[in-house]
Amino acid sequence: MYLVPVSITKATPGSQTSLREANRARIVDAVKRHGGLTQVELAGATGLSPATVSNIVKELTASGVLHITMTTRSGRRAQHVTLARALGIVAGVHISTRHMRVALSDVTNTVVAEHNMPLAKDHRADNELDKATRLIADMLDSVDATMDEILAVGIAVPAPIDVITGEISRSGLMRGWDGISIADLMHRRIKRPVFVDNEANLAALAEFRLGAARGRPNSVYLRVGQGIGAGLILNGAVYRGYESAAGEFGHMTIDEHGPICRCGNRGCLEAIAGGPAILEGLRESNGPQKLTDVVVHAIAGDAICIRAIADAGRHIGIAAANVCNLLAPERIVVGGELARAGELLLGPMRHSLERSVVMESAKVADIVQGQLGDRAELSGAILYAIDRATIGSDEPIS
């Protein structure tokens, strides 16, 4: 069954038609948010009357938007409402340094369930893939689906991945994950196809298909937070390079006599402008010790935090200029925790880039903030799973 999207009919504000369309949207949003609800629970979640919910659910079920199954709650029979699933389900998983997000989607990229949870600082592959498996199973149950309906799973991780073996291609970047085929390990748990890639590559894919790089077939996505990485979109497809090692933007050498990076080299961009470096620079001034707090303080006008973000932006801009001189992208999209600082980061980046590129200013890539926020990597993992399940690659679908 194909999912028929809820259409929003243009109508006079305040009219019965516009009110009904608004109520339809509220019901669909509530089902998406919770994965599945009974009609009584839908009434409570939306504030609509049970009669209104019943009528709208019947309409949306008839049009293929919602799906109803019978369930038992507190000893009583009830109608359990979920989104209708089109042609099967995929799962997306984003495992970052301190957080995991998991979502289920149909192949039309409609998310039907989503969950996120914090992770310990030095998490390990076995533990976290066990958690991801349990979350997927719980969410499948919430939408009355089974593991057999999963067509593919896409996983985004904060390290370069050999897409053939599913292993991290450079040791030391994710302790507890080295030498492990993530795809194979997850496949053993769920018995479904699993595809793994670098989080920056998948965020780039998502911003290109759905966000700030849409319509820009040659673009760069920079993920700036605790680490610094890049995803490259060249001629409308993710470019991974030899051995899938392209995009290690954070390990571009900025100062060969600089601090030692977690990769073992000296003076990498990440060691100078990444989250830990920013926080270390603020330690003497008793500044914030969380990157999110640095951004909040800077937006509130804290001069020291503003300077810290600006300094990072200038270093990132120099590195971005080198990428522009090499690849000449049309647009640079910036995401990650530090991107929430907006122009406090992007302004200094532009200034450094414009000073360092060799091309005419009119042809220099514009720098913009990502549109998908902290869901970019998860959205990319979902798209990756959809592409591999339906067309066998992540080439753009025309």
Protein backbone atom coordinates (compact mmCIF):
# COMPACT_ATOMS: atom_id res chain seq x y z
CA MET A 1 0.00 0.00 0.00
CA TYR A 2 1.33 3.44 -0.89
CA LEU A 3 1.14 6.14 1.74
CA VAL A 4 -1.08 8.99 0.62
CA PRO A 5 0.17 12.22 2.20
CA VAL A 6 -2.26 14.41 4.06
CA SER A 7 -3.18 17.25 1.73
CA ILE A 8 -3.66 20.70 3.14
CA THR A 9 -6.41 22.35 1.15
CA LYS A 10 -6.14 26.10 0.75
CA ALA A 11 -9.10 27.61 2.47
CA THR A 12 -10.20 30.73 4.19
CA PRO A 13 -8.55 30.95 7.64
CA GLY A 14 -11.05 29.99 10.32
CA SER A 15 -13.32 28.14 7.88
CA GLN A 16 -14.62 24.64 8.57
CA THR A 17 -12.33 23.26 5.84
CA SER A 18 -9.16 24.81 7.25
CA LEU A 19 -10.11 23.70 10.77
CA ARG A 20 -10.66 20.13 9.62
CA GLU A 21 -7.35 20.08 7.74
CA ALA A 22 -5.60 21.41 10.85
CA ASN A 23 -7.19 18.66 12.93
CA ARG A 24 -6.13 16.02 10.39
CA ALA A 25 -2.55 17.30 10.58
CA ARG A 26 -2.64 17.23 14.41
CA ILE A 27 -3.72 13.61 14.40
CA VAL A 28 -1.06 12.54 11.90
CA ASP A 29 1.63 14.44 13.83
CA ALA A 30 0.57 12.77 17.10
CA VAL A 31 0.73 9.31 15.52
CA LYS A 32 4.18 10.07 14.08
CA ARG A 33 5.44 11.35 17.42
CA HIS A 34 4.23 8.39 19.47
CA GLY A 35 4.53 5.64 16.84
CA GLY A 36 0.97 4.43 17.50
CA LEU A 37 -1.95 5.34 19.77
CA THR A 38 -5.46 4.18 20.49
CA GLN A 39 -8.24 6.56 19.49
CA VAL A 40 -8.80 7.44 23.16
CA GLU A 41 -5.09 8.22 23.53
CA LEU A 42 -5.23 10.27 20.31
CA ALA A 43 -8.02 12.37 21.74
CA GLY A 44 -5.92 13.05 24.85
CA ALA A 45 -2.76 13.82 22.83
CA THR A 46 -4.48 16.22 20.42
CA GLY A 47 -7.14 17.76 22.66
CA LEU A 48 -9.80 16.83 20.10
CA SER A 49 -13.08 15.19 21.00
CA PRO A 50 -13.35 11.39 20.65
CA ALA A 51 -16.02 11.84 17.97
CA THR A 52 -13.80 14.15 15.92
CA VAL A 53 -10.86 11.76 16.25
CA SER A 54 -13.03 8.80 15.21
CA ASN A 55 -14.34 10.56 12.09
CA ILE A 56 -10.93 11.79 10.97
CA VAL A 57 -9.25 8.43 11.63
CA LYS A 58 -11.90 6.74 9.43
CA GLU A 59 -11.22 9.23 6.61
CA LEU A 60 -7.44 8.90 6.82
CA THR A 61 -7.64 5.11 7.01
CA ALA A 62 -9.83 5.02 3.89
CA SER A 63 -7.34 7.25 2.03
CA GLY A 64 -4.37 5.07 3.04
CA VAL A 65 -2.69 7.49 5.44
CA LEU A 66 -3.45 5.60 8.67
CA HIS A 67 -3.76 1.93 9.56
CA ILE A 68 -6.01 0.46 12.29
CA THR A 69 -5.57 -2.78 14.20
CA MET A 70 -7.52 -4.10 17.17
CA THR A 71 -5.74 -4.25 20.53
CA THR A 72 -6.60 -4.75 24.18
CA ARG A 73 -5.99 -2.04 26.76
CA SER A 74 -6.98 -2.46 30.43
CA GLY A 75 -9.10 -5.46 29.49
CA ARG A 76 -11.04 -3.57 26.81
CA ARG A 77 -10.87 -3.84 23.04
CA ALA A 78 -9.56 -0.70 21.36
CA GLN A 79 -8.50 0.49 17.91
CA HIS A 80 -4.74 1.04 17.67
CA VAL A 81 -3.86 3.70 15.08
CA THR A 82 -0.52 3.79 13.23
CA LEU A 83 0.74 5.28 9.99
CA ALA A 84 0.15 3.11 6.95
CA ARG A 85 3.41 1.65 5.73
CA ALA A 86 4.31 1.98 2.07
CA LEU A 87 6.09 -1.02 0.55
CA GLY A 88 8.03 -1.87 3.71
CA ILE A 89 10.03 -0.23 6.48
CA VAL A 90 13.63 0.89 6.88
CA ALA A 91 15.48 1.82 10.07
CA GLY A 92 17.98 4.63 10.55
CA VAL A 93 20.49 4.74 13.41
CA HIS A 94 22.84 7.59 14.32
CA ILE A 95 25.50 6.74 16.89
CA SER A 96 27.45 9.84 17.92
CA THR A 97 30.07 10.27 20.62
CA ARG A 98 27.46 10.75 23.36
CA HIS A 99 24.05 10.10 21.84
CA MET A 100 22.06 7.58 19.81
CA ARG A 101 19.00 8.28 17.66
CA VAL A 102 16.93 5.54 16.05
CA ALA A 103 13.97 5.92 13.69
CA LEU A 104 11.68 3.83 11.53
CA SER A 105 10.52 5.12 8.17
CA ASP A 106 8.64 3.81 5.18
CA VAL A 107 10.30 4.03 1.77
CA THR A 108 8.58 7.33 1.01
CA ASN A 109 10.74 8.80 3.82
CA THR A 110 7.83 9.21 6.22
CA VAL A 111 9.11 8.62 9.75
CA VAL A 112 6.65 6.47 11.70
CA ALA A 113 8.55 6.18 15.00
CA GLU A 114 11.65 7.74 16.55
CA HIS A 115 13.59 7.48 19.81
CA ASN A 116 16.85 8.87 21.19
CA MET A 117 18.99 8.19 24.24
CA PRO A 118 22.29 9.36 25.81
CA LEU A 119 25.41 7.20 25.61
CA ALA A 120 28.34 6.77 27.99
CA LYS A 121 31.56 8.58 27.03
CA ASP A 122 33.53 5.47 25.98
CA HIS A 123 30.76 3.28 24.59
CA ARG A 124 31.45 -0.06 22.93
CA ALA A 125 30.05 -1.63 19.78
CA ASP A 126 28.42 -4.67 21.41
CA ASN A 127 26.54 -2.67 24.03
CA GLU A 128 25.31 0.07 21.72
CA LEU A 129 24.22 -2.25 18.91
CA ASP A 130 22.32 -4.29 21.50
CA LYS A 131 20.54 -1.08 22.55
CA ALA A 132 19.82 -0.14 18.94
CA THR A 133 18.36 -3.60 18.30
CA ARG A 134 16.08 -3.34 21.34
CA LEU A 135 14.92 0.14 20.31
CA ILE A 136 14.12 -1.03 16.78
CA ALA A 137 12.18 -4.01 18.15
CA ASP A 138 10.22 -1.80 20.57
CA MET A 139 9.34 0.71 17.85
CA LEU A 140 8.30 -2.03 15.44
CA ASP A 141 5.97 -3.33 18.12
CA SER A 142 4.54 0.18 18.60
CA VAL A 143 3.54 0.36 14.93
CA ASP A 144 2.32 -3.26 14.75
CA ALA A 145 5.19 -4.38 12.53
CA THR A 146 7.75 -7.16 12.69
CA MET A 147 11.49 -7.39 12.05
CA ASP A 148 10.75 -9.25 8.82
CA GLU A 149 9.25 -6.04 7.40
CA ILE A 150 12.57 -4.21 7.72
CA LEU A 151 14.05 -3.83 4.22
CA ALA A 152 17.36 -2.33 5.36
CA VAL A 153 19.07 -0.52 8.22
CA GLY A 154 21.30 2.52 7.70
CA ILE A 155 23.81 3.40 10.44
CA ALA A 156 25.75 6.67 10.77
CA VAL A 157 28.88 6.73 12.94
CA PRO A 158 31.43 9.50 13.71
CA ALA A 159 34.37 7.90 11.87
CA PRO A 160 35.37 6.99 8.31
CA ILE A 161 33.91 3.64 7.26
CA ASP A 162 35.05 1.13 4.68
CA VAL A 163 31.69 0.63 3.00
CA ILE A 164 32.75 -2.81 1.75
CA THR A 165 33.70 -4.31 5.11
CA GLY A 166 31.63 -2.08 7.39
CA GLU A 167 34.71 -1.46 9.58
CA ILE A 168 36.11 1.87 10.76
CA SER A 169 38.96 2.53 8.35
CA ARG A 170 41.22 4.37 10.80
CA SER A 171 41.86 3.02 14.29
CA GLY A 172 41.77 5.16 17.42
CA LEU A 173 38.87 7.41 16.43
CA MET A 174 36.19 5.32 18.21
CA ARG A 175 37.59 3.31 21.08
CA GLY A 176 35.66 0.09 21.52
CA TRP A 177 34.72 -0.06 17.84
CA ASP A 178 38.08 -0.75 16.13
CA GLY A 179 38.47 -3.88 14.02
CA ILE A 180 34.75 -4.62 14.12
CA SER A 181 32.48 -4.99 11.11
CA ILE A 182 29.60 -2.88 12.36
CA ALA A 183 27.36 -3.98 9.48
CA ASP A 184 28.04 -7.67 10.14
CA LEU A 185 27.60 -7.31 13.91
CA MET A 186 24.23 -5.59 13.49
CA HIS A 187 23.13 -8.06 10.80
CA ARG A 188 23.71 -10.95 13.20
CA ARG A 189 21.30 -9.31 15.65
CA ILE A 190 18.43 -8.42 13.34
CA LYS A 191 18.98 -10.73 10.32
CA ARG A 192 18.30 -7.84 7.94
CA PRO A 193 20.60 -5.97 5.46
CA VAL A 194 22.72 -3.31 7.21
CA PHE A 195 24.68 -0.45 5.62
CA VAL A 196 27.09 1.76 7.56
CA ASP A 197 28.73 5.09 6.67
CA ASN A 198 30.40 8.13 8.15
CA GLU A 199 27.91 10.52 9.80
CA ALA A 200 29.20 13.48 7.77
CA ASN A 201 28.63 11.63 4.48
CA LEU A 202 25.06 10.81 5.47
CA ALA A 203 24.35 14.30 6.76
CA ALA A 204 25.65 15.64 3.43
CA LEU A 205 23.28 13.28 1.61
CA ALA A 206 20.35 14.50 3.72
CA GLU A 207 21.13 18.20 3.30
CA PHE A 208 21.51 17.65 -0.45
CA ARG A 209 18.21 15.81 -0.82
CA LEU A 210 16.12 17.63 1.77
CA GLY A 211 17.93 20.68 3.14
CA ALA A 212 20.30 23.56 2.56
CA ALA A 213 22.27 21.95 -0.30
CA ARG A 214 19.18 21.02 -2.30
CA GLY A 215 19.73 21.75 -5.99
CA ARG A 216 23.51 22.10 -5.48
CA PRO A 217 25.08 18.93 -6.99
CA ASN A 218 28.59 20.06 -5.98
CA SER A 219 28.51 20.94 -2.31
CA VAL A 220 30.33 20.32 0.96
CA TYR A 221 28.78 19.58 4.35
CA LEU A 222 30.91 20.46 7.37
CA ARG A 223 29.97 18.90 10.70
CA VAL A 224 31.45 20.98 13.50
CA GLY A 225 31.08 19.88 17.10
CA GLN A 226 33.10 17.64 19.38
CA GLY A 227 34.81 16.48 16.21
CA ILE A 228 35.06 18.04 12.77
CA GLY A 229 34.23 16.15 9.60
CA ALA A 230 33.06 16.73 6.05
CA GLY A 231 30.78 15.06 3.56
CA LEU A 232 31.34 15.73 -0.14
CA ILE A 233 28.61 15.81 -2.76
CA LEU A 234 30.20 15.73 -6.21
CA ASN A 235 28.08 15.56 -9.36
CA GLY A 236 25.03 14.81 -7.26
CA ALA A 237 26.37 11.82 -5.29
CA VAL A 238 28.33 11.23 -2.10
CA TYR A 239 32.05 11.08 -2.88
CA ARG A 240 33.89 8.64 -0.61
CA GLY A 241 37.27 8.42 -2.32
CA TYR A 242 39.79 5.58 -2.25
CA GLU A 243 39.13 3.12 0.58
CA SER A 244 36.16 5.34 1.56
CA ALA A 245 38.57 7.72 3.32
CA ALA A 246 37.50 11.06 1.78
CA GLY A 247 36.07 13.81 3.95
CA GLU A 248 38.48 13.76 6.92
CA PHE A 249 38.33 17.54 6.97
CA GLY A 250 39.03 17.72 10.71
CA HIS A 251 42.40 16.07 10.21
CA MET A 252 43.68 18.61 7.73
CA THR A 253 46.96 20.00 9.09
CA ILE A 254 46.66 23.65 10.11
CA ASP A 255 49.81 23.96 12.23
CA GLU A 256 52.47 21.25 11.97
CA HIS A 257 53.82 22.35 15.37
CA GLY A 258 50.36 22.46 16.93
CA PRO A 259 48.73 20.27 19.58
CA ILE A 260 48.59 16.50 19.22
CA CYS A 261 45.27 15.31 17.76
CA ARG A 262 43.38 12.18 18.77
CA CYS A 263 44.43 10.69 15.42
CA GLY A 264 48.10 10.92 16.49
CA ASN A 265 49.15 13.77 14.19
CA ARG A 266 50.00 17.32 15.22
CA GLY A 267 48.12 20.48 14.41
CA CYS A 268 44.96 18.99 12.90
CA LEU A 269 42.03 21.37 12.48
CA GLU A 270 40.01 19.33 14.99
CA ALA A 271 42.76 19.64 17.62
CA ILE A 272 42.66 23.42 17.20
CA ALA A 273 38.98 24.21 16.53
CA GLY A 274 37.02 21.14 17.67
CA GLY A 275 34.86 21.05 20.79
CA PRO A 276 37.52 19.79 23.25
CA ALA A 277 40.01 22.44 22.04
CA ILE A 278 37.45 25.22 22.49
CA LEU A 279 36.58 24.04 26.00
CA GLU A 280 40.26 23.72 26.94
CA GLY A 281 40.83 27.29 25.82
CA LEU A 282 38.04 28.46 28.14
CA ARG A 283 39.27 26.52 31.16
CA GLU A 284 41.55 29.26 32.50
CA SER A 285 38.75 31.83 32.36
CA ASN A 286 36.37 29.44 34.16
CA GLY A 287 34.15 29.43 31.11
CA PRO A 288 31.48 26.84 30.24
CA GLN A 289 32.64 23.23 30.12
CA LYS A 290 30.00 22.00 27.68
CA LEU A 291 30.00 22.98 24.02
CA THR A 292 26.26 23.60 24.01
CA ASP A 293 26.72 26.02 26.93
CA VAL A 294 29.48 27.87 25.05
CA VAL A 295 27.03 28.46 22.20
CA VAL A 296 24.26 29.57 24.57
CA HIS A 297 26.59 32.00 26.39
CA ALA A 298 27.89 33.40 23.11
CA ILE A 299 24.40 34.03 21.77
CA ALA A 300 23.60 35.76 25.08
CA GLY A 301 26.54 38.14 24.52
CA ASP A 302 29.39 36.57 26.53
CA ALA A 303 32.48 38.19 24.95
CA ILE A 304 34.86 35.35 25.85
CA CYS A 305 32.60 32.69 24.32
CA ILE A 306 31.99 34.86 21.25
CA ARG A 307 35.76 35.14 20.77
CA ALA A 308 36.26 31.38 21.23
CA ILE A 309 33.68 30.59 18.53
CA ALA A 310 35.04 33.26 16.21
CA ASP A 311 38.59 31.91 16.56
CA ALA A 312 37.33 28.42 15.71
CA GLY A 313 35.42 29.86 12.74
CA ARG A 314 38.54 31.53 11.37
CA HIS A 315 40.53 28.28 11.48
CA ILE A 316 37.68 26.34 9.90
CA GLY A 317 37.37 29.00 7.20
CA ILE A 318 41.04 28.63 6.25
CA ALA A 319 40.63 24.87 5.90
CA ALA A 320 37.40 25.38 3.92
CA ALA A 321 39.27 27.69 1.55
CA ASN A 322 41.70 24.87 0.78
CA VAL A 323 38.74 22.63 -0.07
CA CYS A 324 37.30 25.36 -2.30
CA ASN A 325 40.61 25.81 -4.10
CA LEU A 326 40.71 22.08 -4.77
CA LEU A 327 37.06 21.21 -5.54
CA ALA A 328 35.27 24.54 -6.24
CA PRO A 329 31.94 23.59 -4.60
CA GLU A 330 28.84 25.72 -5.09
CA ARG A 331 27.84 25.75 -1.43
CA ILE A 332 29.23 24.89 2.00
CA VAL A 333 26.62 23.77 4.53
CA VAL A 334 27.62 23.87 8.19
CA GLY A 335 25.97 21.61 10.76
CA GLY A 336 26.75 20.10 14.15
CA GLU A 337 26.63 21.55 17.67
CA LEU A 338 28.74 24.61 16.89
CA ALA A 339 26.57 25.54 13.90
CA ARG A 340 23.86 26.57 16.37
CA ALA A 341 25.93 29.71 16.96
CA GLY A 342 24.84 30.89 13.49
CA GLU A 343 26.62 33.99 12.24
CA LEU A 344 28.92 34.05 15.27
CA LEU A 345 30.62 31.08 13.59
CA LEU A 346 29.70 31.55 9.92
CA GLY A 347 30.79 35.21 9.73
CA PRO A 348 34.43 34.54 10.70
CA MET A 349 34.42 31.47 8.46
CA ARG A 350 33.39 33.56 5.45
CA HIS A 351 35.99 36.21 6.20
CA SER A 352 38.84 33.66 6.36
CA LEU A 353 37.61 31.81 3.30
CA GLU A 354 37.29 34.93 1.17
CA ARG A 355 40.82 35.99 2.09
CA SER A 356 42.30 32.59 1.23
CA VAL A 357 40.60 31.42 -1.98
CA VAL A 358 42.16 32.13 -5.37
CA MET A 359 38.95 32.40 -7.40
CA GLU A 360 36.90 35.53 -8.04
CA SER A 361 34.65 36.49 -5.12
CA ALA A 362 31.52 36.04 -7.24
CA LYS A 363 32.41 32.38 -7.75
CA VAL A 364 33.27 31.55 -4.15
CA ALA A 365 31.01 29.01 -2.46
CA ASP A 366 28.44 30.53 -0.15
CA ILE A 367 28.45 29.34 3.46
CA VAL A 368 25.08 28.60 5.02
CA GLN A 369 23.75 26.94 8.15
CA GLY A 370 22.27 23.46 7.74
CA GLN A 371 18.48 23.20 7.68
CA LEU A 372 18.11 19.75 9.27
CA GLY A 373 19.82 20.50 12.59
CA ASP A 374 20.69 17.57 14.83
CA ARG A 375 18.52 15.23 12.73
CA ALA A 376 20.70 15.53 9.61
CA GLU A 377 22.71 12.38 10.29
CA LEU A 378 19.65 10.32 11.20
CA SER A 379 17.81 11.57 8.10
CA GLY A 380 20.82 10.60 6.01
CA ALA A 381 20.92 7.11 7.56
CA ILE A 382 17.25 6.66 6.64
CA LEU A 383 17.83 7.87 3.07
CA TYR A 384 20.85 5.59 2.75
CA ALA A 385 18.77 2.60 3.85
CA ILE A 386 15.95 3.53 1.46
CA ASP A 387 18.36 3.90 -1.45
CA ARG A 388 20.14 0.63 -0.80
CA ALA A 389 16.85 -1.21 -0.32
CA THR A 390 15.13 0.19 -3.40
CA ILE A 391 17.75 1.15 -6.00
CA GLY A 392 20.93 -0.44 -4.65
CA SER A 393 22.98 2.79 -4.27
CA ASP A 394 22.78 6.34 -2.95
CA GLU A 395 22.74 7.98 -6.38
CA PRO A 396 20.07 10.70 -6.49
CA ILE A 397 16.59 9.51 -7.39
CA SER A 398 15.23 11.51 -10.32
